[in-house]
Every structure is written in structure tokens, then in C-alpha cells.
N, C-alpha and C. Protein backbone atom coordinates (compact mmCIF):
# COMPACT_ATOMS: atom_id res chain seq x y z
N CYS A 1 0.16 -13.57 -6.15
CA CYS A 1 0.92 -12.79 -5.11
C CYS A 1 1.82 -14.15 -4.68
N PHE A 2 1.64 -15.06 -4.89
CA PHE A 2 2.83 -16.41 -4.22
C PHE A 2 3.66 -16.76 -5.07
N PRO A 3 5.07 -16.66 -5.10
CA PRO A 3 5.49 -16.78 -3.84
C PRO A 3 5.78 -15.20 -3.06
N LEU A 4 5.74 -15.06 -1.93
CA LEU A 4 5.87 -13.64 -1.66
C LEU A 4 7.24 -13.26 -1.97
N GLN A 5 7.59 -11.87 -2.39
CA GLN A 5 8.41 -11.62 -2.92
C GLN A 5 9.45 -10.67 -2.04
N GLU A 6 8.34 -10.10 -0.85
CA GLU A 6 8.99 -9.11 0.33
C GLU A 6 8.02 -9.58 1.42
N THR A 7 8.72 -9.44 2.61
CA THR A 7 7.82 -9.32 3.62
C THR A 7 6.37 -8.65 3.80
N TRP A 8 5.21 -9.09 3.87
CA TRP A 8 4.10 -8.21 4.19
C TRP A 8 3.65 -7.93 5.51
N TYR A 9 3.31 -6.78 5.50
CA TYR A 9 2.90 -6.12 7.12
C TYR A 9 1.21 -5.91 7.43
N MET A 10 0.91 -6.60 8.02
CA MET A 10 -0.41 -5.94 8.67
C MET A 10 -0.38 -4.26 9.22
N LEU A 11 -1.28 -3.77 8.50
CA LEU A 11 -1.17 -2.16 9.02
C LEU A 11 -2.28 -2.13 9.95
N TYR A 12 -3.36 -2.73 9.76
CA TYR A 12 -4.59 -2.50 10.79
C TYR A 12 -5.44 -3.88 10.43
N ARG A 13 -6.57 -3.83 11.33
CA ARG A 13 -7.57 -5.07 11.48
C ARG A 13 -8.84 -4.30 12.06
N ASN A 14 -9.98 -5.00 11.60
CA ASN A 14 -11.28 -4.61 12.33
C ASN A 14 -11.72 -5.56 13.75
N TYR A 15 -10.62 -6.21 14.03
CA TYR A 15 -11.06 -7.01 15.27
C TYR A 15 -9.85 -6.95 16.23
N ALA A 16 -10.00 -7.06 17.63
CA ALA A 16 -8.88 -6.75 18.51
C ALA A 16 -8.33 -8.01 19.01
N PHE A 17 -8.68 -9.15 18.80
CA PHE A 17 -7.65 -10.28 19.44
C PHE A 17 -7.76 -11.44 18.17
N ASP A 18 -6.73 -12.02 17.89
CA ASP A 18 -6.56 -13.01 16.55
C ASP A 18 -6.22 -14.22 17.32
N PRO A 19 -7.17 -15.36 17.69
CA PRO A 19 -6.53 -16.47 18.30
C PRO A 19 -5.62 -17.19 17.90
N ALA A 20 -5.24 -16.75 16.38
CA ALA A 20 -4.15 -17.72 15.70
C ALA A 20 -2.68 -17.34 15.92
N PHE A 21 -2.67 -16.03 15.92
CA PHE A 21 -1.53 -15.30 15.42
C PHE A 21 -1.20 -14.21 16.28
N GLY A 22 -1.10 -14.29 17.71
CA GLY A 22 -0.47 -13.45 18.71
C GLY A 22 -1.55 -12.65 19.70
N GLY A 23 -2.84 -13.44 19.55
CA GLY A 23 -3.74 -12.25 20.14
C GLY A 23 -3.82 -10.97 20.09
N THR A 24 -2.99 -10.17 20.77
CA THR A 24 -3.49 -8.50 20.66
C THR A 24 -1.84 -8.05 20.24
N ALA A 25 -1.16 -8.95 19.69
CA ALA A 25 0.32 -8.53 19.50
C ALA A 25 0.32 -7.80 18.32
N LYS A 26 1.17 -6.77 18.43
CA LYS A 26 1.89 -5.96 17.22
C LYS A 26 2.69 -6.41 16.45
N CYS A 27 2.84 -5.81 15.12
CA CYS A 27 3.86 -6.13 14.05
C CYS A 27 3.39 -7.77 13.38
N VAL A 28 2.23 -7.89 12.98
CA VAL A 28 2.21 -9.31 12.10
C VAL A 28 2.30 -9.03 11.04
N ARG A 29 3.40 -9.99 10.65
CA ARG A 29 4.15 -10.06 9.23
C ARG A 29 4.01 -11.69 8.50
N PHE A 30 4.08 -11.64 7.34
CA PHE A 30 4.57 -12.58 6.54
C PHE A 30 5.50 -12.67 5.73
N THR A 31 6.23 -13.47 5.86
CA THR A 31 7.55 -13.75 5.41
C THR A 31 7.83 -15.03 4.52
N ASN A 32 8.40 -15.31 3.23
CA ASN A 32 8.71 -16.04 2.51
C ASN A 32 9.69 -17.11 3.15
N ALA A 33 9.55 -18.53 3.26
CA ALA A 33 10.67 -19.12 3.81
C ALA A 33 11.17 -20.10 3.35
N GLY A 34 10.79 -20.22 1.94
CA GLY A 34 11.47 -21.06 0.90
C GLY A 34 10.74 -21.33 -0.28
N PRO A 35 11.11 -21.98 -1.36
CA PRO A 35 10.40 -22.08 -2.87
C PRO A 35 9.10 -23.10 -2.64
N GLU A 36 8.55 -22.84 -3.20
CA GLU A 36 7.28 -23.62 -3.40
C GLU A 36 7.25 -25.03 -3.84
N VAL A 37 6.75 -25.90 -3.35
CA VAL A 37 7.05 -27.56 -3.69
C VAL A 37 5.23 -27.84 -3.68
N ASN A 38 5.12 -28.54 -4.78
CA ASN A 38 3.93 -29.10 -4.87
C ASN A 38 2.70 -28.08 -4.63
N GLY A 39 2.88 -26.72 -5.06
CA GLY A 39 1.88 -26.02 -4.83
C GLY A 39 1.46 -25.74 -3.42
N ALA A 40 2.48 -25.83 -2.58
CA ALA A 40 2.70 -25.26 -1.05
C ALA A 40 3.76 -24.21 -0.81
N TYR A 41 3.57 -23.42 -0.32
CA TYR A 41 4.41 -22.44 -0.01
C TYR A 41 4.75 -21.80 1.49
N PRO A 42 6.02 -22.56 1.73
CA PRO A 42 6.35 -22.38 3.30
C PRO A 42 6.60 -20.65 3.53
N LEU A 43 6.08 -20.51 5.00
CA LEU A 43 6.08 -18.99 5.16
C LEU A 43 5.94 -19.06 6.83
N VAL A 44 6.70 -17.76 7.17
CA VAL A 44 7.00 -17.66 8.39
C VAL A 44 5.82 -16.35 8.60
N ILE A 45 5.39 -16.93 9.53
CA ILE A 45 4.45 -15.54 10.55
C ILE A 45 4.76 -15.29 11.58
N SER A 46 4.88 -13.99 11.77
CA SER A 46 5.54 -13.40 13.02
C SER A 46 4.87 -12.25 13.79
N PHE A 47 4.74 -12.48 14.90
CA PHE A 47 3.73 -11.55 15.59
C PHE A 47 4.51 -10.99 16.92
N GLY A 48 4.68 -9.88 17.55
CA GLY A 48 5.21 -9.75 18.59
C GLY A 48 6.58 -10.34 18.58
N ASN A 49 6.83 -11.01 19.60
CA ASN A 49 8.40 -11.56 19.58
C ASN A 49 8.48 -13.08 18.94
N SER A 50 7.13 -13.50 18.69
CA SER A 50 7.18 -15.07 18.32
C SER A 50 6.85 -15.28 16.93
N SER A 51 6.78 -16.45 16.62
CA SER A 51 6.88 -16.74 15.01
C SER A 51 5.87 -17.99 14.75
N ASN A 52 5.78 -18.38 13.64
CA ASN A 52 4.98 -19.46 13.37
C ASN A 52 5.40 -20.17 12.05
N SER A 53 5.97 -21.10 11.70
CA SER A 53 5.99 -21.67 10.23
C SER A 53 4.83 -22.33 9.98
N VAL A 54 4.57 -21.82 8.69
CA VAL A 54 3.10 -22.58 8.20
C VAL A 54 3.44 -22.65 6.58
N THR A 55 2.80 -23.58 6.10
CA THR A 55 2.58 -23.91 4.90
C THR A 55 1.49 -23.35 4.41
N ALA A 56 1.24 -22.65 2.91
CA ALA A 56 0.34 -21.78 2.55
C ALA A 56 -0.02 -22.73 1.12
N THR A 57 -1.21 -23.08 1.11
CA THR A 57 -1.67 -23.40 -0.25
C THR A 57 -2.69 -22.56 -0.73
N LEU A 58 -3.17 -22.55 -2.04
CA LEU A 58 -4.11 -21.94 -2.51
C LEU A 58 -5.40 -22.45 -2.83
N GLY A 59 -6.67 -21.95 -2.92
CA GLY A 59 -7.83 -22.88 -3.33
C GLY A 59 -8.99 -21.71 -3.74
N SER A 60 -9.84 -22.22 -4.32
CA SER A 60 -11.09 -21.36 -4.78
C SER A 60 -12.41 -21.68 -4.26
N SER A 61 -13.08 -20.89 -3.68
CA SER A 61 -14.16 -21.03 -3.01
C SER A 61 -15.14 -21.27 -3.88
N PRO A 62 -16.42 -21.78 -3.34
CA PRO A 62 -17.30 -22.71 -4.44
C PRO A 62 -17.92 -21.30 -5.36
N GLY A 63 -18.30 -21.64 -6.86
CA GLY A 63 -18.30 -20.58 -7.62
C GLY A 63 -17.14 -19.70 -8.38
N TYR A 64 -16.01 -19.92 -7.91
CA TYR A 64 -15.16 -19.08 -8.32
C TYR A 64 -13.97 -20.25 -8.70
N THR A 65 -13.06 -19.20 -9.99
CA THR A 65 -11.98 -20.01 -10.50
C THR A 65 -10.70 -19.54 -9.87
N ALA A 66 -10.78 -18.31 -9.82
CA ALA A 66 -9.58 -17.55 -8.77
C ALA A 66 -9.46 -18.34 -7.45
N LYS A 67 -7.90 -18.17 -7.10
CA LYS A 67 -7.56 -18.42 -6.19
C LYS A 67 -7.77 -17.55 -5.07
N ASN A 68 -8.82 -17.95 -4.17
CA ASN A 68 -9.25 -16.43 -3.25
C ASN A 68 -9.43 -17.05 -1.68
N ILE A 69 -8.53 -18.25 -1.90
CA ILE A 69 -8.70 -18.89 -0.28
C ILE A 69 -7.46 -19.24 -0.02
N ILE A 70 -6.52 -18.89 1.07
CA ILE A 70 -5.24 -19.35 1.21
C ILE A 70 -5.32 -19.84 2.82
N ASN A 71 -4.99 -21.53 2.32
CA ASN A 71 -5.24 -21.97 3.64
C ASN A 71 -3.73 -22.42 4.02
N LEU A 72 -3.74 -22.26 5.57
CA LEU A 72 -2.49 -22.17 6.23
C LEU A 72 -2.49 -23.14 7.23
N LYS A 73 -1.45 -24.13 7.24
CA LYS A 73 -1.29 -25.12 7.93
C LYS A 73 0.17 -25.33 8.72
N SER A 74 -0.41 -24.90 9.98
CA SER A 74 0.93 -24.83 11.14
C SER A 74 1.99 -26.07 11.01
N GLU A 75 3.13 -25.95 10.89
CA GLU A 75 4.06 -27.32 11.00
C GLU A 75 4.07 -27.82 12.41
N ALA A 76 4.04 -26.96 13.72
CA ALA A 76 4.56 -27.15 14.99
C ALA A 76 3.20 -27.72 15.52
N GLN A 77 1.97 -27.31 15.17
CA GLN A 77 0.70 -27.66 15.87
C GLN A 77 -0.34 -28.40 15.11
N ASP A 78 0.23 -29.04 14.10
CA ASP A 78 -0.95 -30.14 12.98
C ASP A 78 -2.16 -29.15 12.72
N THR A 79 -2.49 -28.04 12.92
CA THR A 79 -3.61 -27.48 12.83
C THR A 79 -3.82 -26.49 11.38
N SER A 80 -4.97 -26.34 10.99
CA SER A 80 -5.13 -25.36 9.55
C SER A 80 -6.24 -24.69 9.74
N LEU A 81 -6.13 -23.11 9.20
CA LEU A 81 -7.07 -22.53 8.59
C LEU A 81 -6.96 -21.86 7.57
N SER A 82 -8.49 -21.27 7.20
CA SER A 82 -8.39 -20.72 5.99
C SER A 82 -8.41 -19.09 6.20
N VAL A 83 -7.98 -18.19 5.08
CA VAL A 83 -7.95 -16.89 5.21
C VAL A 83 -8.59 -16.52 3.51
N TYR A 84 -9.38 -15.51 3.92
CA TYR A 84 -10.06 -15.46 2.60
C TYR A 84 -9.50 -14.14 1.75
N ASP A 85 -9.05 -14.35 0.47
CA ASP A 85 -8.84 -13.02 -0.28
C ASP A 85 -9.71 -11.87 -0.94
N GLY A 86 -10.31 -10.90 0.00
CA GLY A 86 -11.18 -10.19 -0.53
C GLY A 86 -10.75 -9.02 -1.70
N TYR A 87 -9.32 -8.68 -1.15
CA TYR A 87 -8.76 -7.66 -2.51
C TYR A 87 -7.31 -7.89 -2.49
N MET A 88 -6.72 -8.22 -3.71
CA MET A 88 -5.69 -8.05 -3.76
C MET A 88 -4.92 -7.38 -5.07
N MET A 89 -4.21 -6.45 -4.65
CA MET A 89 -3.10 -5.77 -5.45
C MET A 89 -1.50 -6.27 -5.27
N CYS A 90 -1.04 -7.30 -5.89
CA CYS A 90 0.18 -7.75 -5.34
C CYS A 90 1.40 -6.90 -5.24
N LYS A 91 1.43 -5.84 -5.77
CA LYS A 91 2.62 -4.66 -5.62
C LYS A 91 2.16 -3.62 -4.76
N GLU A 92 0.65 -3.72 -4.10
CA GLU A 92 0.60 -2.57 -3.36
C GLU A 92 -0.23 -3.15 -1.95
N CYS A 93 -1.33 -3.89 -1.98
CA CYS A 93 -1.92 -4.29 -1.03
C CYS A 93 -2.59 -5.46 -0.87
N ALA A 94 -3.44 -6.01 0.32
CA ALA A 94 -3.89 -6.93 0.17
C ALA A 94 -5.35 -7.01 1.10
N ILE A 95 -6.38 -7.18 1.22
CA ILE A 95 -7.38 -7.30 2.15
C ILE A 95 -7.88 -8.63 2.51
N LEU A 96 -7.49 -9.08 3.67
CA LEU A 96 -7.97 -10.60 3.70
C LEU A 96 -8.97 -10.69 4.72
N ARG A 97 -9.74 -11.57 4.45
CA ARG A 97 -10.70 -11.94 5.60
C ARG A 97 -10.39 -13.27 6.51
N PHE A 98 -10.66 -12.94 7.97
CA PHE A 98 -10.04 -13.96 8.88
C PHE A 98 -11.26 -14.61 9.71
N PRO A 99 -12.04 -15.65 8.89
CA PRO A 99 -13.20 -16.14 9.69
C PRO A 99 -12.98 -16.78 10.87
N TYR A 100 -11.83 -17.68 11.04
CA TYR A 100 -11.55 -18.10 12.37
C TYR A 100 -11.32 -17.08 13.43
N ALA A 101 -11.32 -16.10 13.42
CA ALA A 101 -11.50 -15.00 14.47
C ALA A 101 -12.82 -14.58 14.57
N ASN A 102 -13.60 -14.39 13.72
CA ASN A 102 -14.96 -13.81 13.24
C ASN A 102 -15.31 -13.78 12.02
N GLU A 103 -16.90 -13.88 11.88
CA GLU A 103 -17.24 -13.81 10.47
C GLU A 103 -17.27 -12.67 9.82
N ASN A 104 -16.47 -11.34 10.44
CA ASN A 104 -16.35 -10.11 9.70
C ASN A 104 -15.17 -9.76 9.66
N ALA A 105 -14.40 -10.61 10.41
CA ALA A 105 -12.71 -10.17 10.84
C ALA A 105 -12.01 -10.02 9.51
N CYS A 106 -11.17 -8.70 9.10
CA CYS A 106 -10.56 -8.37 7.88
C CYS A 106 -9.27 -7.56 8.65
N GLY A 107 -8.19 -7.87 7.71
CA GLY A 107 -6.94 -7.02 7.94
C GLY A 107 -6.22 -6.64 6.42
N LEU A 108 -6.06 -5.27 6.71
CA LEU A 108 -5.29 -4.76 5.44
C LEU A 108 -3.56 -4.79 5.67
N LEU A 109 -3.18 -5.45 4.55
CA LEU A 109 -1.52 -5.66 4.46
C LEU A 109 -0.94 -5.10 3.37
N VAL A 110 0.14 -4.79 3.67
CA VAL A 110 1.21 -4.17 2.96
C VAL A 110 2.39 -5.00 2.53
N PRO A 111 2.93 -5.05 1.34
CA PRO A 111 4.20 -5.68 1.07
C PRO A 111 5.41 -4.33 2.03
N GLU A 112 6.50 -4.77 2.62
CA GLU A 112 7.41 -3.72 2.77
C GLU A 112 7.76 -2.60 2.18
N SER A 113 7.77 -2.76 0.65
CA SER A 113 8.14 -1.60 0.01
C SER A 113 7.00 -0.32 -0.17
N GLN A 114 5.65 -0.98 0.50
CA GLN A 114 4.35 -0.02 0.83
C GLN A 114 4.25 0.68 1.74
N LEU A 115 5.02 0.52 3.15
CA LEU A 115 5.14 0.92 4.18
C LEU A 115 5.52 2.35 4.11
N GLY A 116 4.45 3.34 4.29
CA GLY A 116 4.72 5.07 4.11
C GLY A 116 4.19 5.37 3.05
N GLN A 117 4.21 4.38 2.26
CA GLN A 117 3.41 5.14 1.12
C GLN A 117 1.92 5.28 0.90
N ASP A 118 1.75 6.17 -0.01
CA ASP A 118 -0.17 6.53 -0.43
C ASP A 118 -0.43 5.51 -1.08
N ILE A 119 -1.47 4.72 0.18
CA ILE A 119 -2.26 3.41 -0.38
C ILE A 119 -3.79 3.82 -0.23
N THR A 120 -4.26 5.19 -0.82
CA THR A 120 -5.36 5.52 -0.26
C THR A 120 -6.73 4.78 -1.20
N CYS A 121 -6.12 4.14 -2.16
CA CYS A 121 -7.16 3.31 -2.71
C CYS A 121 -7.43 1.86 -1.70
N CYS A 122 -6.39 1.50 -1.26
CA CYS A 122 -6.44 0.25 -0.42
C CYS A 122 -7.22 0.67 0.63
N ARG A 123 -6.96 1.49 1.22
CA ARG A 123 -7.64 2.53 2.22
C ARG A 123 -9.12 2.09 2.19
N PHE A 124 -9.37 2.87 1.04
CA PHE A 124 -10.97 2.96 0.63
C PHE A 124 -11.59 1.58 0.61
N VAL A 125 -11.23 0.32 -0.46
CA VAL A 125 -11.48 -0.73 -0.27
C VAL A 125 -11.80 -1.53 1.12
N PHE A 126 -10.93 -0.96 1.71
CA PHE A 126 -10.80 -2.10 3.11
C PHE A 126 -12.04 -1.39 3.92
N ASP A 127 -12.60 0.26 3.66
CA ASP A 127 -13.74 0.36 4.60
C ASP A 127 -14.82 0.19 3.63
N LEU A 128 -14.89 -0.15 2.33
CA LEU A 128 -15.81 -0.83 2.02
C LEU A 128 -16.46 -2.33 2.12
N ILE A 129 -15.15 -2.83 2.28
CA ILE A 129 -15.34 -4.60 2.28
C ILE A 129 -15.68 -4.69 3.92
N CYS A 130 -14.76 -3.90 4.63
CA CYS A 130 -14.70 -4.21 6.40
C CYS A 130 -15.08 -3.52 7.15
N GLY A 131 -15.83 -2.40 6.62
CA GLY A 131 -16.17 -1.39 7.25
C GLY A 131 -15.09 -0.03 7.94
N THR A 132 -15.43 0.78 8.34
CA THR A 132 -14.54 2.22 8.75
C THR A 132 -14.30 1.88 10.15
N THR A 133 -14.96 1.32 10.83
CA THR A 133 -14.83 1.04 12.67
C THR A 133 -14.90 -0.17 13.03
N PRO A 134 -14.76 -0.84 14.08
CA PRO A 134 -13.26 -0.07 14.56
C PRO A 134 -12.14 -0.40 13.54
N LYS A 135 -10.92 0.25 14.19
CA LYS A 135 -9.65 -0.39 13.27
C LYS A 135 -8.45 -0.48 14.64
N TYR A 136 -8.07 -1.27 14.45
CA TYR A 136 -7.09 -1.70 15.41
C TYR A 136 -5.63 -1.89 14.88
N ILE A 137 -4.77 -0.55 15.30
CA ILE A 137 -3.84 -0.39 14.42
C ILE A 137 -2.37 -1.80 14.71
N ILE A 138 -1.99 -2.23 13.86
CA ILE A 138 -0.95 -3.44 14.22
C ILE A 138 0.31 -3.02 13.85
N TYR A 139 0.58 -2.33 13.04
CA TYR A 139 2.07 -1.87 12.35
C TYR A 139 2.26 -0.46 12.90
N ASP A 140 3.36 0.06 13.77
CA ASP A 140 3.96 1.02 13.93
C ASP A 140 5.44 1.11 13.51
N GLU A 141 6.05 1.97 13.69
CA GLU A 141 7.50 2.38 13.46
C GLU A 141 8.40 1.48 14.38
N SER A 142 7.97 0.91 15.42
CA SER A 142 8.80 -0.32 16.16
C SER A 142 8.68 -1.39 15.70
N CYS A 143 8.39 -1.57 14.77
CA CYS A 143 8.27 -2.87 13.58
C CYS A 143 9.23 -3.16 13.01
């Protein structure tokens, strides 16, 4: 799915507070910020009225050949964290795990073109991987 062809929005997640991206802020979104350079993809992660420029690199977890880890390095804070790809359909949705928040933290993201569309399959897979409750709504019409 990299480079991102459009902005991706987090619809909801199963954890209340995100220590890296805005705490309880709404409207978390990921936008391409330029071309890939040596396997690194510049992104802007926006949340509420704030944003953070990061570089994403892809890796594989032990025992996998697929690139199922997204390493995010903040340009401003010289910190990095890893996000795990639980399920990815590049034109429909992504279910990501956020272990820096807690060991069960998951979020459902969709590209802008899928906002308001029927993503029943994605919602079902989220429930299987991440559980049915709680769900904290991150995207709404104000985004």
C-alpha cells in the first residue's frame, strides 16, 4: 500500500488514549508527504489540530516474508515506534496493531475514497482480530 495514494483515516480503535498521536484527539489521518527515498516513505500524521512528520519504513516480523511491520520515525522528536499490519486490503481498509499503546491496541483505517462506503468485511475482520468492544470512534463528519 506504500506509497499512500490517498489520505487514510482511522475510523475507530479499541483503545481510548494514544500516547504517540494526539491522546484522545479525533480525526487521525495519514497522508503521503513525498516520494519514497531508499525504502523510506515520508508521511504526515495529523490528529485534531496537530500533525507530526514521520518517515515510514517497512519490515517483516520473525518468521514472515511479508512486510507486516511499519516503523515510524518522527523527524521532530528523534523517536521511533512500530505498528503491525494485522490485515490490509490496499483499496479498502487496514487493521493495524499499536503495541506502543498496549498489547491489544488496534485501529481500523480506510482510504479517503472508502469513507461512507460499505466496508462490512473490514469491520468483521476488525471484530475477529481486535474484539467487538470497546470501540472509540475517531472519525466523524467534522474531519
